[in-house]
Structures are given as C-alpha cells and as structure tokens.
C-alpha cells in the first residue's frame, strides 16, 4: 500500500480499536496502539492481488480465502492489528470466525495458514512489509508469509520452521514453492504478469 497516514498521536488499546467508528468507510490498521489510515492501493498492486486471489481460488475453497477484508491481531510493542492483502485460513481459523460480526482473527483464535502482502513503493512500505510484518506474523505462528515485491520482481516466501521463519526467494521463471498450497504452480514472472492484464 502507499504510505499510511497516522490519524492520531493518542495510543489506543485493542478494545478501543474494536469500538472505534468515525462514521466513514475508511479502513484502519492499529500499529503499536496508533490508528493508521490505510490509503488506496496502486492499480498494479490491485491487479496482482486480484490475479493471485483468482489463482488461489482454484486450489482453496472460497470459504478459506480473504481478500483485503480480514483483520489479524498480531503482537507488537503495543496493540497491533493488520489487514493483509490476501489471507488463506486454516479450517480452524475459519471456524473461529463463523457467526462473528467482524472478520477479525484475534490472538486467542487459531492463526491463518498463509498471508500475502504486496509491497508498495517507498522505503516505509518496504520496511513495514519486510521487517515489521514479518516479525509480527512470525510471532503469531502463521505457517507462511509471502512478500510479493513488484519493484524488485521477486517473491519472498517465509516458511515457519522450528519457531521462526526461513526465507526462500523466487524470481523469473522459478516456480513458487509453498508448503501450505503445495499444488501452486505459478512462477514469479507469471504472478507479476497479472499487473499487465
């Protein structure tokens, strides 16, 4: 996403974040207790995200897929809640949301199986996706975290192994190897080609 905009200097608790409503359709993440407005995505990133969603939908039941509409509470210095670009639930995390009034995976629920973030241009965005979210998703025990980087034209697949992430980098005609979606057949280049379609 493009540079996020911090909307307040007051730190919120997770409970205050859950109750927050400014009467608009603006989407917010909670980052270390600060409410952060999520700006609109670039057209290129939107096309990549939609293309990946459609490919994942061929391999995973729709009930287990989320497209920019599910919040995930993660660990941070203070209360933190992220909205991933794409998410693949486990049966358990999907069941935990059954009947919920808000699509929010809290820390007391089973974690999703896979999270995909598409990096937007800018140093702050790169730092957020490669450093902060990587640490947060690892601490949450999410089996795989994909960092899709259109600028570098590479995909980093972080796989949960013995309590930490191990990274595999895919570029060009390298087929993405996933332990969560083992039938996934696309190459990095095919994924970035979604931006042209």
N, C-alpha and C. Protein backbone atom coordinates (compact mmCIF):
# COMPACT_ATOMS: atom_id res chain seq x y z
N UNK A 1 0.83 -1.17 0.00
CA UNK A 1 0.00 0.00 0.00
C UNK A 1 0.88 1.24 0.00
N UNK A 2 0.32 2.34 -0.42
CA UNK A 2 1.04 3.60 -0.36
C UNK A 2 1.25 3.99 1.08
N UNK A 3 2.05 5.02 1.29
CA UNK A 3 2.38 5.46 2.63
C UNK A 3 1.12 5.60 3.48
N UNK A 4 1.11 4.96 4.64
CA UNK A 4 -0.01 5.05 5.56
C UNK A 4 0.00 6.40 6.24
N UNK A 5 -1.16 6.82 6.68
CA UNK A 5 -1.30 8.11 7.32
C UNK A 5 -1.72 7.87 8.76
N UNK A 6 -0.88 8.30 9.72
CA UNK A 6 -1.25 8.19 11.13
C UNK A 6 -2.30 9.24 11.43
N UNK A 7 -3.41 8.81 12.01
CA UNK A 7 -4.51 9.72 12.21
C UNK A 7 -4.56 10.32 13.61
N UNK A 8 -3.80 9.77 14.52
CA UNK A 8 -3.85 10.27 15.88
C UNK A 8 -2.54 9.96 16.59
N UNK A 9 -2.19 10.80 17.55
CA UNK A 9 -1.00 10.52 18.34
C UNK A 9 -1.36 9.77 19.61
N UNK A 10 -2.65 9.74 19.97
CA UNK A 10 -3.11 9.01 21.14
C UNK A 10 -2.98 7.51 20.89
N UNK A 11 -2.46 6.82 21.86
CA UNK A 11 -2.35 5.36 21.75
C UNK A 11 -3.65 4.72 22.20
N UNK A 12 -4.09 3.74 21.43
CA UNK A 12 -5.35 3.05 21.73
C UNK A 12 -5.06 1.65 22.24
N UNK A 13 -5.97 1.15 23.03
CA UNK A 13 -5.93 -0.26 23.39
C UNK A 13 -6.61 -1.04 22.27
N UNK A 14 -6.46 -2.35 22.27
CA UNK A 14 -7.12 -3.15 21.25
C UNK A 14 -8.64 -3.03 21.39
N UNK A 15 -9.12 -2.96 22.61
CA UNK A 15 -10.56 -2.83 22.85
C UNK A 15 -11.08 -1.51 22.30
N UNK A 16 -10.31 -0.41 22.47
CA UNK A 16 -10.71 0.89 21.92
C UNK A 16 -10.74 0.84 20.40
N UNK A 17 -9.78 0.13 19.82
CA UNK A 17 -9.74 -0.02 18.36
C UNK A 17 -10.99 -0.76 17.87
N UNK A 18 -11.37 -1.81 18.57
CA UNK A 18 -12.55 -2.58 18.17
C UNK A 18 -13.81 -1.73 18.22
N UNK A 19 -13.87 -0.81 19.16
CA UNK A 19 -15.06 0.03 19.32
C UNK A 19 -15.02 1.29 18.46
N UNK A 20 -13.88 1.58 17.83
CA UNK A 20 -13.72 2.84 17.10
C UNK A 20 -14.58 2.87 15.84
N UNK A 21 -15.27 3.97 15.64
CA UNK A 21 -16.07 4.18 14.44
C UNK A 21 -16.12 5.68 14.18
N UNK A 22 -15.52 6.12 13.07
CA UNK A 22 -15.53 7.55 12.76
C UNK A 22 -16.66 7.91 11.79
N UNK A 23 -17.54 6.95 11.52
CA UNK A 23 -18.69 7.21 10.66
C UNK A 23 -18.38 7.21 9.18
N UNK A 24 -17.15 6.79 8.80
CA UNK A 24 -16.78 6.74 7.39
C UNK A 24 -16.48 5.29 7.00
N UNK A 25 -16.17 5.08 5.72
CA UNK A 25 -15.77 3.75 5.24
C UNK A 25 -14.25 3.58 5.25
N UNK A 26 -13.54 4.51 5.87
CA UNK A 26 -12.08 4.46 5.91
C UNK A 26 -11.62 3.21 6.66
N UNK A 27 -10.61 2.55 6.09
CA UNK A 27 -10.05 1.35 6.73
C UNK A 27 -8.82 1.76 7.52
N UNK A 28 -8.68 1.16 8.71
CA UNK A 28 -7.56 1.47 9.58
C UNK A 28 -6.87 0.19 10.04
N UNK A 29 -5.56 0.29 10.21
CA UNK A 29 -4.82 -0.71 10.95
C UNK A 29 -4.46 -0.08 12.28
N UNK A 30 -4.23 -0.90 13.28
CA UNK A 30 -3.73 -0.44 14.56
C UNK A 30 -2.28 -0.88 14.64
N UNK A 31 -1.37 0.07 14.77
CA UNK A 31 0.06 -0.23 14.77
C UNK A 31 0.67 0.33 16.05
N UNK A 32 1.08 -0.57 16.92
CA UNK A 32 1.63 -0.18 18.22
C UNK A 32 0.75 0.83 18.93
N UNK A 33 -0.55 0.58 18.90
CA UNK A 33 -1.50 1.42 19.60
C UNK A 33 -1.94 2.66 18.84
N UNK A 34 -1.37 2.92 17.66
CA UNK A 34 -1.74 4.10 16.88
C UNK A 34 -2.67 3.71 15.73
N UNK A 35 -3.71 4.49 15.56
CA UNK A 35 -4.64 4.28 14.47
C UNK A 35 -4.00 4.80 13.18
N UNK A 36 -3.90 3.93 12.15
CA UNK A 36 -3.24 4.29 10.89
C UNK A 36 -4.21 4.06 9.74
N UNK A 37 -4.50 5.15 9.01
CA UNK A 37 -5.39 5.07 7.86
C UNK A 37 -4.71 4.30 6.73
N UNK A 38 -5.43 3.38 6.12
CA UNK A 38 -4.90 2.60 5.01
C UNK A 38 -5.34 3.25 3.70
N UNK A 39 -4.39 3.85 2.97
CA UNK A 39 -4.76 4.52 1.72
C UNK A 39 -5.07 3.51 0.62
N UNK A 40 -5.57 4.01 -0.49
CA UNK A 40 -5.88 3.13 -1.61
C UNK A 40 -4.60 2.56 -2.21
N UNK A 41 -4.73 1.41 -2.83
CA UNK A 41 -3.60 0.72 -3.46
C UNK A 41 -3.36 1.23 -4.87
N UNK A 42 -2.15 0.96 -5.38
CA UNK A 42 -1.87 1.27 -6.79
C UNK A 42 -2.62 0.28 -7.67
N UNK A 43 -2.87 0.68 -8.91
CA UNK A 43 -3.57 -0.19 -9.86
C UNK A 43 -2.77 -1.48 -10.09
N UNK A 44 -1.44 -1.35 -10.20
CA UNK A 44 -0.58 -2.52 -10.40
C UNK A 44 -0.73 -3.51 -9.26
N UNK A 45 -0.67 -3.03 -8.02
CA UNK A 45 -0.79 -3.93 -6.88
C UNK A 45 -2.18 -4.55 -6.80
N UNK A 46 -3.20 -3.77 -7.15
CA UNK A 46 -4.57 -4.32 -7.17
C UNK A 46 -4.68 -5.47 -8.16
N UNK A 47 -4.11 -5.30 -9.36
CA UNK A 47 -4.21 -6.37 -10.38
C UNK A 47 -3.45 -7.62 -9.93
N UNK A 48 -2.29 -7.43 -9.31
CA UNK A 48 -1.53 -8.59 -8.81
C UNK A 48 -2.34 -9.31 -7.72
N UNK A 49 -2.91 -8.55 -6.81
CA UNK A 49 -3.69 -9.15 -5.72
C UNK A 49 -4.91 -9.90 -6.25
N UNK A 50 -5.63 -9.30 -7.21
CA UNK A 50 -6.80 -9.99 -7.78
C UNK A 50 -6.39 -11.25 -8.53
N UNK A 51 -5.29 -11.16 -9.30
CA UNK A 51 -4.82 -12.34 -10.03
C UNK A 51 -4.43 -13.47 -9.09
N UNK A 52 -3.73 -13.14 -8.02
CA UNK A 52 -3.36 -14.16 -7.04
C UNK A 52 -4.60 -14.75 -6.36
N UNK A 53 -5.56 -13.89 -6.05
CA UNK A 53 -6.80 -14.38 -5.44
C UNK A 53 -7.48 -15.41 -6.34
N UNK A 54 -7.58 -15.08 -7.64
CA UNK A 54 -8.22 -16.00 -8.58
C UNK A 54 -7.47 -17.32 -8.70
N UNK A 55 -6.14 -17.25 -8.69
CA UNK A 55 -5.34 -18.48 -8.76
C UNK A 55 -5.51 -19.31 -7.50
N UNK A 56 -5.50 -18.66 -6.34
CA UNK A 56 -5.68 -19.39 -5.08
C UNK A 56 -7.07 -20.00 -4.99
N UNK A 57 -8.07 -19.31 -5.58
CA UNK A 57 -9.45 -19.82 -5.56
C UNK A 57 -9.59 -21.12 -6.35
N UNK A 58 -8.66 -21.39 -7.26
CA UNK A 58 -8.67 -22.66 -7.99
C UNK A 58 -8.19 -23.82 -7.11
N UNK A 59 -7.48 -23.49 -6.03
CA UNK A 59 -6.84 -24.51 -5.20
C UNK A 59 -7.37 -24.60 -3.78
N UNK A 60 -8.08 -23.57 -3.35
CA UNK A 60 -8.54 -23.48 -1.96
C UNK A 60 -10.02 -23.14 -1.97
N UNK A 61 -10.82 -23.74 -1.10
CA UNK A 61 -12.24 -23.36 -1.05
C UNK A 61 -12.40 -21.86 -0.75
N UNK A 62 -13.36 -21.23 -1.40
CA UNK A 62 -13.59 -19.80 -1.21
C UNK A 62 -13.82 -19.43 0.25
N UNK A 63 -14.41 -20.34 1.00
CA UNK A 63 -14.68 -20.07 2.42
C UNK A 63 -13.40 -19.88 3.22
N UNK A 64 -12.26 -20.31 2.66
CA UNK A 64 -10.98 -20.18 3.37
C UNK A 64 -10.16 -18.99 2.86
N UNK A 65 -10.67 -18.25 1.88
CA UNK A 65 -9.92 -17.13 1.30
C UNK A 65 -10.46 -15.79 1.77
N UNK A 66 -9.56 -14.85 1.96
CA UNK A 66 -9.96 -13.48 2.30
C UNK A 66 -9.15 -12.53 1.43
N UNK A 67 -9.83 -11.50 0.93
CA UNK A 67 -9.22 -10.50 0.05
C UNK A 67 -9.39 -9.13 0.68
N UNK A 68 -8.37 -8.68 1.38
CA UNK A 68 -8.35 -7.34 1.99
C UNK A 68 -9.57 -7.05 2.86
N UNK A 69 -10.10 -8.08 3.51
CA UNK A 69 -11.29 -7.85 4.32
C UNK A 69 -11.23 -8.53 5.69
N UNK A 70 -10.09 -9.09 6.04
CA UNK A 70 -9.97 -9.76 7.33
C UNK A 70 -8.82 -9.15 8.11
N UNK A 71 -9.11 -8.77 9.35
CA UNK A 71 -8.09 -8.20 10.23
C UNK A 71 -7.43 -9.32 11.03
N UNK A 72 -6.15 -9.13 11.33
CA UNK A 72 -5.41 -10.13 12.11
C UNK A 72 -4.71 -9.40 13.25
N UNK A 73 -5.08 -9.75 14.48
CA UNK A 73 -4.38 -9.19 15.64
C UNK A 73 -3.03 -9.88 15.75
N UNK A 74 -1.98 -9.08 15.87
CA UNK A 74 -0.62 -9.61 15.99
C UNK A 74 0.05 -8.97 17.19
N UNK A 75 1.22 -9.46 17.53
CA UNK A 75 1.98 -8.90 18.64
C UNK A 75 2.80 -7.72 18.15
N UNK A 76 2.88 -6.72 18.95
CA UNK A 76 3.73 -5.56 18.69
C UNK A 76 4.14 -4.99 20.03
N UNK A 77 4.84 -3.87 20.01
CA UNK A 77 5.18 -3.23 21.28
C UNK A 77 3.92 -2.89 22.04
N UNK A 78 2.90 -2.47 21.30
CA UNK A 78 1.58 -2.21 21.86
C UNK A 78 0.58 -2.90 20.94
N UNK A 79 -0.69 -2.65 21.16
CA UNK A 79 -1.75 -3.30 20.38
C UNK A 79 -1.54 -3.07 18.88
N UNK A 80 -1.57 -4.17 18.10
CA UNK A 80 -1.38 -4.09 16.65
C UNK A 80 -2.35 -5.03 15.95
N UNK A 81 -2.96 -4.51 14.88
CA UNK A 81 -3.91 -5.28 14.08
C UNK A 81 -3.66 -4.95 12.61
N UNK A 82 -3.42 -5.96 11.79
CA UNK A 82 -3.11 -5.78 10.37
C UNK A 82 -4.27 -6.22 9.48
N UNK A 83 -4.29 -5.66 8.26
CA UNK A 83 -5.25 -6.08 7.23
C UNK A 83 -4.43 -6.56 6.03
N UNK A 84 -4.18 -7.87 5.92
CA UNK A 84 -3.36 -8.37 4.81
C UNK A 84 -4.07 -8.23 3.47
N UNK A 85 -3.26 -8.20 2.40
CA UNK A 85 -3.83 -8.15 1.06
C UNK A 85 -4.61 -9.43 0.76
N UNK A 86 -4.03 -10.57 1.08
CA UNK A 86 -4.69 -11.87 0.89
C UNK A 86 -4.42 -12.73 2.12
N UNK A 87 -5.35 -13.62 2.39
CA UNK A 87 -5.22 -14.50 3.54
C UNK A 87 -5.87 -15.83 3.21
N UNK A 88 -5.21 -16.91 3.60
CA UNK A 88 -5.79 -18.25 3.49
C UNK A 88 -5.96 -18.78 4.91
N UNK A 89 -7.20 -19.05 5.26
CA UNK A 89 -7.49 -19.59 6.58
C UNK A 89 -7.14 -21.07 6.68
N UNK A 90 -6.92 -21.50 7.90
CA UNK A 90 -6.98 -22.93 8.20
C UNK A 90 -8.46 -23.23 8.45
N UNK A 91 -8.83 -24.48 8.49
CA UNK A 91 -10.21 -24.84 8.83
C UNK A 91 -10.55 -24.27 10.21
N UNK A 92 -9.57 -24.30 11.11
CA UNK A 92 -9.79 -23.85 12.48
C UNK A 92 -9.98 -22.34 12.57
N UNK A 93 -9.16 -21.57 11.85
CA UNK A 93 -9.31 -20.11 11.92
C UNK A 93 -10.61 -19.67 11.23
N UNK A 94 -11.00 -20.35 10.17
CA UNK A 94 -12.27 -20.03 9.52
C UNK A 94 -13.44 -20.35 10.45
N UNK A 95 -13.36 -21.49 11.13
CA UNK A 95 -14.43 -21.88 12.05
C UNK A 95 -14.54 -20.90 13.21
N UNK A 96 -13.42 -20.37 13.67
CA UNK A 96 -13.43 -19.42 14.78
C UNK A 96 -14.16 -18.12 14.41
N UNK A 97 -14.21 -17.80 13.11
CA UNK A 97 -14.91 -16.60 12.66
C UNK A 97 -16.38 -16.84 12.34
N UNK A 98 -16.78 -18.08 12.33
CA UNK A 98 -18.16 -18.42 11.97
C UNK A 98 -19.14 -17.70 12.90
N UNK A 99 -20.03 -16.92 12.29
CA UNK A 99 -21.05 -16.20 13.05
C UNK A 99 -20.56 -14.90 13.67
N UNK A 100 -19.28 -14.57 13.51
CA UNK A 100 -18.76 -13.33 14.09
C UNK A 100 -19.31 -12.11 13.36
N UNK A 101 -19.47 -11.01 14.05
CA UNK A 101 -19.97 -9.79 13.43
C UNK A 101 -18.86 -9.01 12.73
N UNK A 102 -17.62 -9.38 12.98
CA UNK A 102 -16.47 -8.69 12.39
C UNK A 102 -15.45 -9.74 11.97
N UNK A 103 -14.89 -9.60 10.77
CA UNK A 103 -13.90 -10.56 10.28
C UNK A 103 -12.54 -10.21 10.88
N UNK A 104 -12.32 -10.66 12.10
CA UNK A 104 -11.15 -10.33 12.89
C UNK A 104 -10.62 -11.59 13.56
N UNK A 105 -9.37 -11.94 13.25
CA UNK A 105 -8.72 -13.09 13.88
C UNK A 105 -7.92 -12.55 15.06
N UNK A 106 -8.44 -12.77 16.25
CA UNK A 106 -7.77 -12.28 17.45
C UNK A 106 -6.68 -13.27 17.88
N UNK A 107 -5.84 -12.82 18.81
CA UNK A 107 -4.71 -13.65 19.24
C UNK A 107 -5.13 -14.93 19.95
N UNK A 108 -6.37 -14.96 20.47
CA UNK A 108 -6.82 -16.18 21.13
C UNK A 108 -7.44 -17.19 20.16
N UNK A 109 -7.47 -16.84 18.87
CA UNK A 109 -8.00 -17.75 17.83
C UNK A 109 -6.83 -18.43 17.12
N UNK A 110 -7.10 -19.56 16.47
CA UNK A 110 -6.04 -20.20 15.67
C UNK A 110 -5.60 -19.25 14.55
N UNK A 111 -4.30 -19.24 14.23
CA UNK A 111 -3.82 -18.33 13.17
C UNK A 111 -4.21 -18.83 11.79
N UNK A 112 -4.28 -17.91 10.81
CA UNK A 112 -4.47 -18.33 9.42
C UNK A 112 -3.25 -19.12 8.95
N UNK A 113 -3.39 -19.81 7.82
CA UNK A 113 -2.29 -20.62 7.29
C UNK A 113 -1.30 -19.80 6.48
N UNK A 114 -1.82 -18.81 5.73
CA UNK A 114 -0.98 -18.06 4.79
C UNK A 114 -1.45 -16.61 4.72
N UNK A 115 -0.47 -15.70 4.72
CA UNK A 115 -0.75 -14.29 4.50
C UNK A 115 0.11 -13.81 3.34
N UNK A 116 -0.48 -13.01 2.45
CA UNK A 116 0.23 -12.43 1.32
C UNK A 116 0.15 -10.91 1.42
N UNK A 117 1.30 -10.26 1.36
CA UNK A 117 1.36 -8.80 1.31
C UNK A 117 2.06 -8.40 0.02
N UNK A 118 1.51 -7.41 -0.67
CA UNK A 118 2.11 -6.90 -1.91
C UNK A 118 2.74 -5.55 -1.58
N UNK A 119 4.05 -5.46 -1.76
CA UNK A 119 4.81 -4.29 -1.35
C UNK A 119 4.51 -3.10 -2.26
N UNK A 120 4.22 -1.97 -1.64
CA UNK A 120 4.04 -0.73 -2.38
C UNK A 120 5.35 0.04 -2.41
N UNK A 121 5.51 0.92 -3.40
CA UNK A 121 6.75 1.70 -3.47
C UNK A 121 6.94 2.55 -2.21
N UNK A 122 8.18 2.81 -1.89
CA UNK A 122 8.51 3.68 -0.76
C UNK A 122 9.21 2.92 0.34
N UNK A 123 10.19 3.57 0.94
CA UNK A 123 11.01 2.94 1.97
C UNK A 123 10.17 2.48 3.16
N UNK A 124 9.24 3.33 3.61
CA UNK A 124 8.43 2.98 4.78
C UNK A 124 7.60 1.73 4.51
N UNK A 125 7.05 1.60 3.30
CA UNK A 125 6.26 0.42 2.95
C UNK A 125 7.12 -0.83 2.91
N UNK A 126 8.32 -0.71 2.36
CA UNK A 126 9.22 -1.86 2.28
C UNK A 126 9.62 -2.31 3.68
N UNK A 127 9.94 -1.34 4.54
CA UNK A 127 10.31 -1.66 5.92
C UNK A 127 9.16 -2.34 6.63
N UNK A 128 7.96 -1.82 6.44
CA UNK A 128 6.79 -2.40 7.09
C UNK A 128 6.59 -3.86 6.68
N UNK A 129 6.65 -4.14 5.36
CA UNK A 129 6.38 -5.50 4.89
C UNK A 129 7.52 -6.47 5.15
N UNK A 130 8.76 -6.03 4.93
CA UNK A 130 9.90 -6.93 5.09
C UNK A 130 10.34 -7.10 6.54
N UNK A 131 10.15 -6.08 7.35
CA UNK A 131 10.65 -6.16 8.72
C UNK A 131 9.55 -6.34 9.75
N UNK A 132 8.68 -5.34 9.85
CA UNK A 132 7.69 -5.35 10.93
C UNK A 132 6.65 -6.46 10.77
N UNK A 133 6.04 -6.53 9.60
CA UNK A 133 5.01 -7.56 9.42
C UNK A 133 5.61 -8.95 9.47
N UNK A 134 6.81 -9.10 8.96
CA UNK A 134 7.47 -10.40 9.00
C UNK A 134 7.62 -10.86 10.45
N UNK A 135 8.07 -9.97 11.31
CA UNK A 135 8.24 -10.29 12.73
C UNK A 135 6.89 -10.55 13.39
N UNK A 136 5.89 -9.72 13.08
CA UNK A 136 4.57 -9.87 13.68
C UNK A 136 3.91 -11.18 13.27
N UNK A 137 3.99 -11.51 11.98
CA UNK A 137 3.35 -12.75 11.51
C UNK A 137 4.09 -13.98 12.03
N UNK A 138 5.40 -13.88 12.16
CA UNK A 138 6.16 -15.00 12.73
C UNK A 138 5.76 -15.21 14.19
N UNK A 139 5.66 -14.13 14.95
CA UNK A 139 5.28 -14.24 16.35
C UNK A 139 3.87 -14.80 16.51
N UNK A 140 3.04 -14.58 15.51
CA UNK A 140 1.65 -15.09 15.52
C UNK A 140 1.59 -16.57 15.13
N UNK A 141 2.71 -17.11 14.61
CA UNK A 141 2.75 -18.53 14.24
C UNK A 141 2.07 -18.84 12.93
N UNK A 142 2.03 -17.88 12.01
CA UNK A 142 1.41 -18.09 10.70
C UNK A 142 2.38 -18.91 9.85
N UNK A 143 1.90 -20.02 9.29
CA UNK A 143 2.75 -21.01 8.62
C UNK A 143 3.55 -20.42 7.46
N UNK A 144 2.92 -19.55 6.66
CA UNK A 144 3.63 -18.92 5.54
C UNK A 144 3.23 -17.47 5.39
N UNK A 145 4.23 -16.68 5.05
CA UNK A 145 4.02 -15.26 4.75
C UNK A 145 4.74 -14.97 3.44
N UNK A 146 3.97 -14.56 2.41
CA UNK A 146 4.55 -14.23 1.10
C UNK A 146 4.68 -12.72 0.98
N UNK A 147 5.88 -12.27 0.63
CA UNK A 147 6.12 -10.85 0.37
C UNK A 147 6.30 -10.72 -1.15
N UNK A 148 5.29 -10.18 -1.80
CA UNK A 148 5.29 -10.03 -3.26
C UNK A 148 5.78 -8.62 -3.56
N UNK A 149 6.95 -8.52 -4.21
CA UNK A 149 7.61 -7.24 -4.40
C UNK A 149 7.69 -6.89 -5.89
N UNK A 150 6.71 -6.11 -6.40
CA UNK A 150 6.71 -5.77 -7.83
C UNK A 150 7.93 -4.95 -8.25
N UNK A 151 8.43 -4.11 -7.37
CA UNK A 151 9.59 -3.27 -7.71
C UNK A 151 10.84 -4.13 -7.94
N UNK A 152 11.07 -5.09 -7.07
CA UNK A 152 12.24 -5.98 -7.19
C UNK A 152 11.95 -7.20 -8.06
N UNK A 153 10.66 -7.41 -8.37
CA UNK A 153 10.20 -8.56 -9.17
C UNK A 153 10.66 -9.88 -8.55
N UNK A 154 10.41 -9.97 -7.26
CA UNK A 154 10.73 -11.21 -6.55
C UNK A 154 9.67 -11.46 -5.49
N UNK A 155 9.56 -12.72 -5.12
CA UNK A 155 8.61 -13.11 -4.09
C UNK A 155 9.39 -13.85 -3.01
N UNK A 156 9.28 -13.36 -1.79
CA UNK A 156 9.92 -14.00 -0.66
C UNK A 156 8.87 -14.81 0.07
N UNK A 157 9.09 -16.12 0.17
CA UNK A 157 8.19 -17.00 0.89
C UNK A 157 8.85 -17.32 2.23
N UNK A 158 8.24 -16.81 3.29
CA UNK A 158 8.73 -17.05 4.65
C UNK A 158 7.95 -18.24 5.20
N UNK A 159 8.67 -19.31 5.51
CA UNK A 159 8.02 -20.54 5.99
C UNK A 159 8.39 -20.79 7.44
N UNK A 160 7.37 -21.11 8.23
CA UNK A 160 7.53 -21.35 9.66
C UNK A 160 8.24 -22.69 9.88
N UNK A 161 9.45 -22.63 10.41
CA UNK A 161 10.24 -23.84 10.68
C UNK A 161 10.85 -23.72 12.07
N UNK A 162 10.50 -24.66 12.93
CA UNK A 162 11.07 -24.71 14.29
C UNK A 162 11.02 -23.37 15.01
N UNK A 163 9.88 -22.70 14.96
CA UNK A 163 9.69 -21.49 15.74
C UNK A 163 10.15 -20.19 15.11
N UNK A 164 10.57 -20.22 13.84
CA UNK A 164 10.95 -18.98 13.16
C UNK A 164 10.76 -19.14 11.66
N UNK A 165 10.82 -18.01 10.95
CA UNK A 165 10.68 -18.04 9.50
C UNK A 165 12.02 -18.32 8.83
N UNK A 166 11.96 -19.18 7.82
CA UNK A 166 13.09 -19.37 6.90
C UNK A 166 12.61 -18.88 5.55
N UNK A 167 13.45 -18.08 4.87
CA UNK A 167 13.06 -17.43 3.63
C UNK A 167 13.56 -18.17 2.40
N UNK A 168 12.68 -18.22 1.40
CA UNK A 168 13.05 -18.68 0.06
C UNK A 168 12.65 -17.56 -0.89
N UNK A 169 13.56 -17.19 -1.79
CA UNK A 169 13.30 -16.10 -2.72
C UNK A 169 13.11 -16.67 -4.12
N UNK A 170 12.04 -16.23 -4.79
CA UNK A 170 11.70 -16.70 -6.11
C UNK A 170 11.63 -15.51 -7.07
N UNK A 171 12.24 -15.67 -8.23
CA UNK A 171 12.22 -14.63 -9.26
C UNK A 171 12.17 -15.29 -10.63
N UNK A 172 11.82 -14.51 -11.64
CA UNK A 172 11.82 -15.00 -13.02
C UNK A 172 10.95 -16.23 -13.19
N UNK A 173 11.54 -17.27 -13.76
CA UNK A 173 10.80 -18.49 -14.07
C UNK A 173 10.82 -19.52 -12.94
N UNK A 174 11.28 -19.12 -11.75
CA UNK A 174 11.24 -20.01 -10.59
C UNK A 174 9.79 -20.21 -10.15
N UNK A 175 9.37 -21.47 -10.05
CA UNK A 175 8.02 -21.77 -9.57
C UNK A 175 7.98 -21.57 -8.06
N UNK A 176 6.92 -20.91 -7.58
CA UNK A 176 6.76 -20.67 -6.15
C UNK A 176 6.54 -22.02 -5.45
N UNK A 177 7.31 -22.26 -4.41
CA UNK A 177 7.17 -23.49 -3.62
C UNK A 177 6.51 -23.14 -2.30
N UNK A 178 5.36 -23.74 -2.07
CA UNK A 178 4.60 -23.47 -0.86
C UNK A 178 4.29 -24.77 -0.15
N UNK A 179 4.49 -24.77 1.17
CA UNK A 179 4.09 -25.95 1.95
C UNK A 179 2.60 -25.89 2.28
N UNK A 180 2.03 -24.68 2.28
CA UNK A 180 0.61 -24.52 2.58
C UNK A 180 -0.25 -24.84 1.35
N UNK A 181 0.15 -24.33 0.17
CA UNK A 181 -0.58 -24.57 -1.08
C UNK A 181 0.36 -25.37 -1.99
N UNK A 182 0.50 -26.64 -1.71
CA UNK A 182 1.50 -27.46 -2.41
C UNK A 182 1.22 -27.58 -3.90
N UNK A 183 -0.02 -27.41 -4.32
CA UNK A 183 -0.37 -27.54 -5.74
C UNK A 183 -0.16 -26.23 -6.51
N UNK A 184 0.32 -25.20 -5.85
CA UNK A 184 0.53 -23.91 -6.52
C UNK A 184 1.61 -24.07 -7.58
N UNK A 185 1.31 -23.66 -8.83
CA UNK A 185 2.20 -23.93 -9.96
C UNK A 185 2.80 -22.70 -10.61
N UNK A 186 2.39 -21.51 -10.21
CA UNK A 186 2.83 -20.31 -10.91
C UNK A 186 4.28 -19.94 -10.60
N UNK A 187 4.91 -19.28 -11.56
CA UNK A 187 6.24 -18.74 -11.37
C UNK A 187 6.11 -17.29 -10.89
N UNK A 188 7.22 -16.74 -10.41
CA UNK A 188 7.22 -15.34 -10.01
C UNK A 188 6.82 -14.45 -11.18
N UNK A 189 7.37 -14.72 -12.36
CA UNK A 189 7.08 -13.89 -13.53
C UNK A 189 5.61 -13.94 -13.91
N UNK A 190 4.99 -15.11 -13.79
CA UNK A 190 3.56 -15.21 -14.09
C UNK A 190 2.73 -14.38 -13.11
N UNK A 191 3.15 -14.32 -11.87
CA UNK A 191 2.44 -13.52 -10.88
C UNK A 191 2.55 -12.03 -11.21
N UNK A 192 3.76 -11.58 -11.57
CA UNK A 192 3.93 -10.17 -11.90
C UNK A 192 3.25 -9.81 -13.21
N UNK A 193 3.01 -10.79 -14.07
CA UNK A 193 2.31 -10.54 -15.34
C UNK A 193 0.84 -10.15 -15.09
N UNK A 194 0.29 -10.48 -13.91
CA UNK A 194 -1.08 -10.05 -13.61
C UNK A 194 -1.21 -8.53 -13.70
N UNK A 195 -0.12 -7.83 -13.41
CA UNK A 195 -0.15 -6.37 -13.43
C UNK A 195 -0.36 -5.83 -14.84
N UNK A 196 -0.07 -6.62 -15.85
CA UNK A 196 -0.19 -6.19 -17.25
C UNK A 196 -1.58 -6.51 -17.81
N UNK A 197 -2.31 -7.36 -17.15
CA UNK A 197 -3.61 -7.83 -17.67
C UNK A 197 -4.74 -6.93 -17.23
